[in-house]
Amino acid sequence: MSAASAAASLGCVLALPRRAAPGPPAEGPGRRRGQGIRRDGTARALRTLRGSPALALLMVQGMAVFTLARLCQVNLFQPVLLHHGVGD
């Protein structure tokens, strides 16, 4: 199940278009190396989320489905594992 999920995730990533334009990292006085990239990326991500409420809703739904799937896996497989002596 995990392998199938990883394969599906890889397929989704490969299907996405490339949007990031390569460019030199932002360097300035008083900045550590790479700090500008993180700030720019975070600001860009927040602007994207603010501009697309459907994307934020989709992300929250994805986290909810992931959490529910993990809960179901634990609740379904825990009795089987205990029956086989794992966890004693």
PDB file of N, CA and C in Angstrom:
ATOM      1  N   MET A   1       0.828  -1.187   0.000  1.00  0.00           N
ATOM      2  CA  MET A   1       0.000   0.000   0.000  1.00  0.00           C
ATOM      3  C   MET A   1       0.880   1.262   0.000  1.00  0.00           C
ATOM      4  N   SER A   2       1.959   1.224   0.788  1.00  0.00           N
ATOM      5  CA  SER A   2       2.867   2.374   0.823  1.00  0.00           C
ATOM      6  C   SER A   2       3.585   2.550  -0.507  1.00  0.00           C
ATOM      7  N   ALA A   3       4.001   1.433  -1.119  1.00  0.00           N
ATOM      8  CA  ALA A   3       4.686   1.513  -2.409  1.00  0.00           C
ATOM      9  C   ALA A   3       3.760   2.067  -3.492  1.00  0.00           C
ATOM     10  N   ALA A   4       2.501   1.634  -3.469  1.00  0.00           N
ATOM     11  CA  ALA A   4       1.537   2.141  -4.449  1.00  0.00           C
ATOM     12  C   ALA A   4       1.300   3.636  -4.239  1.00  0.00           C
ATOM     13  N   SER A   5       1.238   4.050  -2.995  1.00  0.00           N
ATOM     14  CA  SER A   5       1.055   5.467  -2.694  1.00  0.00           C
ATOM     15  C   SER A   5       2.264   6.284  -3.146  1.00  0.00           C
ATOM     16  N   ALA A   6       3.457   5.753  -2.914  1.00  0.00           N
ATOM     17  CA  ALA A   6       4.663   6.458  -3.359  1.00  0.00           C
ATOM     18  C   ALA A   6       4.713   6.557  -4.876  1.00  0.00           C
ATOM     19  N   ALA A   7       4.327   5.493  -5.562  1.00  0.00           N
ATOM     20  CA  ALA A   7       4.309   5.517  -7.029  1.00  0.00           C
ATOM     21  C   ALA A   7       3.296   6.528  -7.550  1.00  0.00           C
ATOM     22  N   ALA A   8       2.121   6.588  -6.916  1.00  0.00           N
ATOM     23  CA  ALA A   8       1.113   7.564  -7.334  1.00  0.00           C
ATOM     24  C   ALA A   8       1.614   8.990  -7.084  1.00  0.00           C
ATOM     25  N   SER A   9       2.293   9.205  -5.976  1.00  0.00           N
ATOM     26  CA  SER A   9       2.843  10.534  -5.683  1.00  0.00           C
ATOM     27  C   SER A   9       3.901  10.914  -6.708  1.00  0.00           C
ATOM     28  N   LEU A  10       4.750   9.977  -7.072  1.00  0.00           N
ATOM     29  CA  LEU A  10       5.766  10.253  -8.083  1.00  0.00           C
ATOM     30  C   LEU A  10       5.112  10.597  -9.419  1.00  0.00           C
ATOM     31  N   GLY A  11       4.060   9.879  -9.773  1.00  0.00           N
ATOM     32  CA  GLY A  11       3.340  10.187 -11.011  1.00  0.00           C
ATOM     33  C   GLY A  11       2.753  11.588 -11.002  1.00  0.00           C
ATOM     34  N   CYS A  12       2.201  12.001  -9.858  1.00  0.00           N
ATOM     35  CA  CYS A  12       1.648  13.362  -9.740  1.00  0.00           C
ATOM     36  C   CYS A  12       2.743  14.412  -9.877  1.00  0.00           C
ATOM     37  N   VAL A  13       3.887  14.156  -9.260  1.00  0.00           N
ATOM     38  CA  VAL A  13       4.989  15.118  -9.329  1.00  0.00           C
ATOM     39  C   VAL A  13       5.494  15.248 -10.758  1.00  0.00           C
ATOM     40  N   LEU A  14       5.628  14.135 -11.449  1.00  0.00           N
ATOM     41  CA  LEU A  14       6.114  14.189 -12.825  1.00  0.00           C
ATOM     42  C   LEU A  14       5.113  14.846 -13.766  1.00  0.00           C
ATOM     43  N   ALA A  15       3.826  14.803 -13.416  1.00  0.00           N
ATOM     44  CA  ALA A  15       2.800  15.413 -14.262  1.00  0.00           C
ATOM     45  C   ALA A  15       2.723  16.925 -14.082  1.00  0.00           C
ATOM     46  N   LEU A  16       3.262  17.436 -12.994  1.00  0.00           N
ATOM     47  CA  LEU A  16       3.200  18.879 -12.753  1.00  0.00           C
ATOM     48  C   LEU A  16       4.124  19.626 -13.700  1.00  0.00           C
ATOM     49  N   PRO A  17       3.712  20.788 -14.156  1.00  0.00           N
ATOM     50  CA  PRO A  17       4.589  21.582 -15.029  1.00  0.00           C
ATOM     51  C   PRO A  17       5.681  22.256 -14.213  1.00  0.00           C
ATOM     52  N   ARG A  18       6.785  22.512 -14.867  1.00  0.00           N
ATOM     53  CA  ARG A  18       7.878  23.239 -14.192  1.00  0.00           C
ATOM     54  C   ARG A  18       7.534  24.716 -14.205  1.00  0.00           C
ATOM     55  N   ARG A  19       7.501  25.323 -13.012  1.00  0.00           N
ATOM     56  CA  ARG A  19       7.143  26.730 -12.933  1.00  0.00           C
ATOM     57  C   ARG A  19       8.279  27.572 -12.390  1.00  0.00           C
ATOM     58  N   ALA A  20       9.169  26.975 -11.618  1.00  0.00           N
ATOM     59  CA  ALA A  20      10.233  27.745 -10.981  1.00  0.00           C
ATOM     60  C   ALA A  20      11.302  28.092 -12.009  1.00  0.00           C
ATOM     61  N   ALA A  21      11.589  29.364 -12.113  1.00  0.00           N
ATOM     62  CA  ALA A  21      12.632  29.810 -13.028  1.00  0.00           C
ATOM     63  C   ALA A  21      13.962  29.787 -12.288  1.00  0.00           C
ATOM     64  N   PRO A  22      14.973  29.128 -12.840  1.00  0.00           N
ATOM     65  CA  PRO A  22      16.261  29.110 -12.162  1.00  0.00           C
ATOM     66  C   PRO A  22      16.874  30.502 -12.158  1.00  0.00           C
ATOM     67  N   GLY A  23      17.455  30.834 -11.067  1.00  0.00           N
ATOM     68  CA  GLY A  23      18.083  32.145 -10.953  1.00  0.00           C
ATOM     69  C   GLY A  23      19.093  32.137  -9.835  1.00  0.00           C
ATOM     70  N   PRO A  24      19.906  33.177  -9.766  1.00  0.00           N
ATOM     71  CA  PRO A  24      20.910  33.221  -8.708  1.00  0.00           C
ATOM     72  C   PRO A  24      20.250  33.414  -7.349  1.00  0.00           C
ATOM     73  N   PRO A  25      20.815  32.841  -6.302  1.00  0.00           N
ATOM     74  CA  PRO A  25      20.254  33.032  -4.972  1.00  0.00           C
ATOM     75  C   PRO A  25      20.382  34.476  -4.519  1.00  0.00           C
ATOM     76  N   ALA A  26      19.396  34.915  -3.753  1.00  0.00           N
ATOM     77  CA  ALA A  26      19.399  36.284  -3.253  1.00  0.00           C
ATOM     78  C   ALA A  26      20.401  36.405  -2.120  1.00  0.00           C
ATOM     79  N   GLU A  27      21.411  37.216  -2.324  1.00  0.00           N
ATOM     80  CA  GLU A  27      22.423  37.463  -1.293  1.00  0.00           C
ATOM     81  C   GLU A  27      22.408  38.945  -0.967  1.00  0.00           C
ATOM     82  N   GLY A  28      22.602  39.248   0.258  1.00  0.00           N
ATOM     83  CA  GLY A  28      22.634  40.640   0.665  1.00  0.00           C
ATOM     84  C   GLY A  28      23.386  40.781   1.973  1.00  0.00           C
ATOM     85  N   PRO A  29      23.641  42.009   2.397  1.00  0.00           N
ATOM     86  CA  PRO A  29      24.356  42.200   3.652  1.00  0.00           C
ATOM     87  C   PRO A  29      23.531  41.703   4.834  1.00  0.00           C
ATOM     88  N   GLY A  30      24.180  40.985   5.713  1.00  0.00           N
ATOM     89  CA  GLY A  30      23.506  40.506   6.915  1.00  0.00           C
ATOM     90  C   GLY A  30      22.682  39.245   6.711  1.00  0.00           C
ATOM     91  N   ARG A  31      22.678  38.695   5.520  1.00  0.00           N
ATOM     92  CA  ARG A  31      21.922  37.468   5.257  1.00  0.00           C
ATOM     93  C   ARG A  31      22.866  36.279   5.229  1.00  0.00           C
ATOM     94  N   ARG A  32      22.407  35.201   5.816  1.00  0.00           N
ATOM     95  CA  ARG A  32      23.164  33.967   5.702  1.00  0.00           C
ATOM     96  C   ARG A  32      22.859  33.351   4.347  1.00  0.00           C
ATOM     97  N   ARG A  33      23.747  32.506   3.922  1.00  0.00           N
ATOM     98  CA  ARG A  33      23.564  31.884   2.619  1.00  0.00           C
ATOM     99  C   ARG A  33      22.328  30.989   2.638  1.00  0.00           C
ATOM    100  N   GLY A  34      21.444  31.123   1.651  1.00  0.00           N
ATOM    101  CA  GLY A  34      20.249  30.303   1.550  1.00  0.00           C
ATOM    102  C   GLY A  34      19.046  30.879   2.281  1.00  0.00           C
ATOM    103  N   GLN A  35      19.242  31.866   3.115  1.00  0.00           N
ATOM    104  CA  GLN A  35      18.134  32.434   3.882  1.00  0.00           C
ATOM    105  C   GLN A  35      17.147  33.148   2.963  1.00  0.00           C
ATOM    106  N   GLY A  36      17.641  33.821   1.945  1.00  0.00           N
ATOM    107  CA  GLY A  36      16.760  34.522   1.014  1.00  0.00           C
ATOM    108  C   GLY A  36      15.888  33.570   0.221  1.00  0.00           C
ATOM    109  N   ILE A  37      16.441  32.415  -0.113  1.00  0.00           N
ATOM    110  CA  ILE A  37      15.673  31.422  -0.866  1.00  0.00           C
ATOM    111  C   ILE A  37      14.500  30.933  -0.036  1.00  0.00           C
ATOM    112  N   ARG A  38      14.744  30.675   1.254  1.00  0.00           N
ATOM    113  CA  ARG A  38      13.656  30.205   2.114  1.00  0.00           C
ATOM    114  C   ARG A  38      12.583  31.270   2.262  1.00  0.00           C
ATOM    115  N   ARG A  39      12.981  32.499   2.469  1.00  0.00           N
ATOM    116  CA  ARG A  39      11.993  33.573   2.632  1.00  0.00           C
ATOM    117  C   ARG A  39      11.204  33.795   1.358  1.00  0.00           C
ATOM    118  N   ASP A  40      11.893  33.796   0.225  1.00  0.00           N
ATOM    119  CA  ASP A  40      11.206  33.984  -1.051  1.00  0.00           C
ATOM    120  C   ASP A  40      10.244  32.840  -1.319  1.00  0.00           C
ATOM    121  N   GLY A  41      10.677  31.614  -1.049  1.00  0.00           N
ATOM    122  CA  GLY A  41       9.830  30.449  -1.274  1.00  0.00           C
ATOM    123  C   GLY A  41       8.615  30.450  -0.368  1.00  0.00           C
ATOM    124  N   THR A  42       8.813  30.810   0.899  1.00  0.00           N
ATOM    125  CA  THR A  42       7.698  30.858   1.841  1.00  0.00           C
ATOM    126  C   THR A  42       6.713  31.940   1.442  1.00  0.00           C
ATOM    127  N   ALA A  43       7.212  33.103   1.083  1.00  0.00           N
ATOM    128  CA  ALA A  43       6.333  34.199   0.674  1.00  0.00           C
ATOM    129  C   ALA A  43       5.561  33.827  -0.586  1.00  0.00           C
ATOM    130  N   ARG A  44       6.233  33.189  -1.519  1.00  0.00           N
ATOM    131  CA  ARG A  44       5.570  32.781  -2.762  1.00  0.00           C
ATOM    132  C   ARG A  44       4.498  31.735  -2.482  1.00  0.00           C
ATOM    133  N   ALA A  45       4.796  30.781  -1.576  1.00  0.00           N
ATOM    134  CA  ALA A  45       3.808  29.755  -1.228  1.00  0.00           C
ATOM    135  C   ALA A  45       2.590  30.378  -0.553  1.00  0.00           C
ATOM    136  N   LEU A  46       2.814  31.328   0.335  1.00  0.00           N
ATOM    137  CA  LEU A  46       1.686  31.982   1.008  1.00  0.00           C
ATOM    138  C   LEU A  46       0.847  32.807   0.036  1.00  0.00           C
ATOM    139  N   ARG A  47       1.500  33.475  -0.921  1.00  0.00           N
ATOM    140  CA  ARG A  47       0.763  34.230  -1.936  1.00  0.00           C
ATOM    141  C   ARG A  47      -0.079  33.291  -2.794  1.00  0.00           C
ATOM    142  N   THR A  48       0.474  32.143  -3.131  1.00  0.00           N
ATOM    143  CA  THR A  48      -0.263  31.166  -3.932  1.00  0.00           C
ATOM    144  C   THR A  48      -1.475  30.653  -3.175  1.00  0.00           C
ATOM    145  N   LEU A  49      -1.293  30.348  -1.893  1.00  0.00           N
ATOM    146  CA  LEU A  49      -2.418  29.870  -1.088  1.00  0.00           C
ATOM    147  C   LEU A  49      -3.485  30.940  -0.927  1.00  0.00           C
ATOM    148  N   ARG A  50      -3.063  32.189  -0.750  1.00  0.00           N
ATOM    149  CA  ARG A  50      -4.024  33.286  -0.606  1.00  0.00           C
ATOM    150  C   ARG A  50      -4.788  33.498  -1.908  1.00  0.00           C
ATOM    151  N   GLY A  51      -4.126  33.287  -3.022  1.00  0.00           N
ATOM    152  CA  GLY A  51      -4.769  33.494  -4.315  1.00  0.00           C
ATOM    153  C   GLY A  51      -5.643  32.332  -4.755  1.00  0.00           C
ATOM    154  N   SER A  52      -5.490  31.179  -4.112  1.00  0.00           N
ATOM    155  CA  SER A  52      -6.261  30.011  -4.509  1.00  0.00           C
ATOM    156  C   SER A  52      -6.808  29.292  -3.281  1.00  0.00           C
ATOM    157  N   PRO A  53      -7.981  29.712  -2.805  1.00  0.00           N
ATOM    158  CA  PRO A  53      -8.560  29.051  -1.634  1.00  0.00           C
ATOM    159  C   PRO A  53      -8.875  27.578  -1.888  1.00  0.00           C
ATOM    160  N   ALA A  54      -9.135  27.211  -3.120  1.00  0.00           N
ATOM    161  CA  ALA A  54      -9.417  25.810  -3.435  1.00  0.00           C
ATOM    162  C   ALA A  54      -8.184  24.940  -3.175  1.00  0.00           C
ATOM    163  N   LEU A  55      -6.995  25.488  -3.420  1.00  0.00           N
ATOM    164  CA  LEU A  55      -5.763  24.748  -3.168  1.00  0.00           C
ATOM    165  C   LEU A  55      -5.594  24.483  -1.676  1.00  0.00           C
ATOM    166  N   ALA A  56      -5.870  25.473  -0.850  1.00  0.00           N
ATOM    167  CA  ALA A  56      -5.767  25.292   0.598  1.00  0.00           C
ATOM    168  C   ALA A  56      -6.766  24.236   1.068  1.00  0.00           C
ATOM    169  N   LEU A  57      -7.972  24.276   0.530  1.00  0.00           N
ATOM    170  CA  LEU A  57      -8.978  23.286   0.895  1.00  0.00           C
ATOM    171  C   LEU A  57      -8.545  21.884   0.461  1.00  0.00           C
ATOM    172  N   LEU A  58      -7.978  21.770  -0.724  1.00  0.00           N
ATOM    173  CA  LEU A  58      -7.496  20.486  -1.211  1.00  0.00           C
ATOM    174  C   LEU A  58      -6.370  19.951  -0.326  1.00  0.00           C
ATOM    175  N   MET A  59      -5.481  20.832   0.127  1.00  0.00           N
ATOM    176  CA  MET A  59      -4.390  20.412   0.995  1.00  0.00           C
ATOM    177  C   MET A  59      -4.918  19.922   2.340  1.00  0.00           C
ATOM    178  N   VAL A  60      -5.876  20.616   2.894  1.00  0.00           N
ATOM    179  CA  VAL A  60      -6.457  20.205   4.176  1.00  0.00           C
ATOM    180  C   VAL A  60      -7.178  18.865   4.016  1.00  0.00           C
ATOM    181  N   GLN A  61      -7.883  18.699   2.918  1.00  0.00           N
ATOM    182  CA  GLN A  61      -8.563  17.427   2.673  1.00  0.00           C
ATOM    183  C   GLN A  61      -7.560  16.285   2.517  1.00  0.00           C
ATOM    184  N   GLY A  62      -6.460  16.556   1.862  1.00  0.00           N
ATOM    185  CA  GLY A  62      -5.415  15.536   1.707  1.00  0.00           C
ATOM    186  C   GLY A  62      -4.831  15.120   3.041  1.00  0.00           C
ATOM    187  N   MET A  63      -4.582  16.096   3.917  1.00  0.00           N
ATOM    188  CA  MET A  63      -4.069  15.764   5.250  1.00  0.00           C
ATOM    189  C   MET A  63      -5.094  14.966   6.045  1.00  0.00           C
ATOM    190  N   ALA A  64      -6.364  15.306   5.905  1.00  0.00           N
ATOM    191  CA  ALA A  64      -7.414  14.580   6.623  1.00  0.00           C
ATOM    192  C   ALA A  64      -7.514  13.139   6.131  1.00  0.00           C
ATOM    193  N   VAL A  65      -7.461  12.939   4.823  1.00  0.00           N
ATOM    194  CA  VAL A  65      -7.526  11.585   4.278  1.00  0.00           C
ATOM    195  C   VAL A  65      -6.311  10.775   4.723  1.00  0.00           C
ATOM    196  N   PHE A  66      -5.131  11.387   4.714  1.00  0.00           N
ATOM    197  CA  PHE A  66      -3.920  10.695   5.163  1.00  0.00           C
ATOM    198  C   PHE A  66      -4.047  10.284   6.624  1.00  0.00           C
ATOM    199  N   THR A  67      -4.526  11.198   7.463  1.00  0.00           N
ATOM    200  CA  THR A  67      -4.682  10.898   8.890  1.00  0.00           C
ATOM    201  C   THR A  67      -5.703   9.794   9.110  1.00  0.00           C
ATOM    202  N   LEU A  68      -6.827   9.864   8.428  1.00  0.00           N
ATOM    203  CA  LEU A  68      -7.839   8.815   8.567  1.00  0.00           C
ATOM    204  C   LEU A  68      -7.326   7.464   8.077  1.00  0.00           C
ATOM    205  N   ALA A  69      -6.553   7.461   7.002  1.00  0.00           N
ATOM    206  CA  ALA A  69      -6.001   6.205   6.495  1.00  0.00           C
ATOM    207  C   ALA A  69      -5.044   5.598   7.508  1.00  0.00           C
ATOM    208  N   ARG A  70      -4.218   6.429   8.126  1.00  0.00           N
ATOM    209  CA  ARG A  70      -3.293   5.916   9.144  1.00  0.00           C
ATOM    210  C   ARG A  70      -4.057   5.383  10.349  1.00  0.00           C
ATOM    211  N   LEU A  71      -5.087   6.072  10.768  1.00  0.00           N
ATOM    212  CA  LEU A  71      -5.879   5.593  11.897  1.00  0.00           C
ATOM    213  C   LEU A  71      -6.532   4.256  11.578  1.00  0.00           C
ATOM    214  N   CYS A  72      -7.059   4.127  10.378  1.00  0.00           N
ATOM    215  CA  CYS A  72      -7.684   2.863   9.985  1.00  0.00           C
ATOM    216  C   CYS A  72      -6.659   1.741   9.929  1.00  0.00           C
ATOM    217  N   GLN A  73      -5.473   2.026   9.404  1.00  0.00           N
ATOM    218  CA  GLN A  73      -4.432   1.001   9.342  1.00  0.00           C
ATOM    219  C   GLN A  73      -4.069   0.519  10.732  1.00  0.00           C
ATOM    220  N   VAL A  74      -3.881   1.432  11.656  1.00  0.00           N
ATOM    221  CA  VAL A  74      -3.508   1.061  13.018  1.00  0.00           C
ATOM    222  C   VAL A  74      -4.628   0.283  13.680  1.00  0.00           C
ATOM    223  N   ASN A  75      -5.849   0.749  13.543  1.00  0.00           N
ATOM    224  CA  ASN A  75      -6.975   0.085  14.204  1.00  0.00           C
ATOM    225  C   ASN A  75      -7.293  -1.268  13.585  1.00  0.00           C
ATOM    226  N   LEU A  76      -7.054  -1.433  12.288  1.00  0.00           N
ATOM    227  CA  LEU A  76      -7.340  -2.709  11.648  1.00  0.00           C
ATOM    228  C   LEU A  76      -6.224  -3.727  11.861  1.00  0.00           C
ATOM    229  N   PHE A  77      -4.988  -3.274  11.810  1.00  0.00           N
ATOM    230  CA  PHE A  77      -3.881  -4.215  11.870  1.00  0.00           C
ATOM    231  C   PHE A  77      -3.370  -4.479  13.286  1.00  0.00           C
ATOM    232  N   GLN A  78      -3.661  -3.619  14.221  1.00  0.00           N
ATOM    233  CA  GLN A  78      -3.186  -3.824  15.586  1.00  0.00           C
ATOM    234  C   GLN A  78      -3.703  -5.135  16.180  1.00  0.00           C
ATOM    235  N   PRO A  79      -4.992  -5.482  16.061  1.00  0.00           N
ATOM    236  CA  PRO A  79      -5.451  -6.773  16.596  1.00  0.00           C
ATOM    237  C   PRO A  79      -4.775  -7.969  15.915  1.00  0.00           C
ATOM    238  N   VAL A  80      -4.525  -7.857  14.608  1.00  0.00           N
ATOM    239  CA  VAL A  80      -3.860  -8.951  13.892  1.00  0.00           C
ATOM    240  C   VAL A  80      -2.441  -9.126  14.414  1.00  0.00           C
ATOM    241  N   LEU A  81      -1.733  -8.013  14.603  1.00  0.00           N
ATOM    242  CA  LEU A  81      -0.364  -8.093  15.110  1.00  0.00           C
ATOM    243  C   LEU A  81      -0.348  -8.660  16.527  1.00  0.00           C
ATOM    244  N   LEU A  82      -1.285  -8.251  17.359  1.00  0.00           N
ATOM    245  CA  LEU A  82      -1.338  -8.770  18.718  1.00  0.00           C
ATOM    246  C   LEU A  82      -1.662 -10.271  18.710  1.00  0.00           C
ATOM    247  N   HIS A  83      -2.507 -10.705  17.783  1.00  0.00           N
ATOM    248  CA  HIS A  83      -2.844 -12.116  17.679  1.00  0.00           C
ATOM    249  C   HIS A  83      -1.618 -12.954  17.323  1.00  0.00           C
ATOM    250  N   HIS A  84      -0.735 -12.395  16.501  1.00  0.00           N
ATOM    251  CA  HIS A  84       0.487 -13.102  16.082  1.00  0.00           C
ATOM    252  C   HIS A  84       1.633 -12.926  17.076  1.00  0.00           C
ATOM    253  N   GLY A  85       1.392 -12.232  18.160  1.00  0.00           N
ATOM    254  CA  GLY A  85       2.412 -12.095  19.194  1.00  0.00           C
ATOM    255  C   GLY A  85       3.356 -10.930  19.019  1.00  0.00           C
ATOM    256  N   VAL A  86       3.105 -10.089  18.054  1.00  0.00           N
ATOM    257  CA  VAL A  86       3.947  -8.905  17.868  1.00  0.00           C
ATOM    258  C   VAL A  86       3.458  -7.826  18.833  1.00  0.00           C
ATOM    259  N   GLY A  87       4.356  -7.279  19.597  1.00  0.00           N
ATOM    260  CA  GLY A  87       3.979  -6.227  20.530  1.00  0.00           C
ATOM    261  C   GLY A  87       3.781  -6.698  21.947  1.00  0.00           C
ATOM    262  N   ASP A  88       3.929  -8.004  22.183  1.00  0.00           N
ATOM    263  CA  ASP A  88       3.810  -8.521  23.553  1.00  0.00           C
ATOM    264  C   ASP A  88       5.107  -8.374  24.295  1.00  0.00           C
TER     265      ASP A  88
END
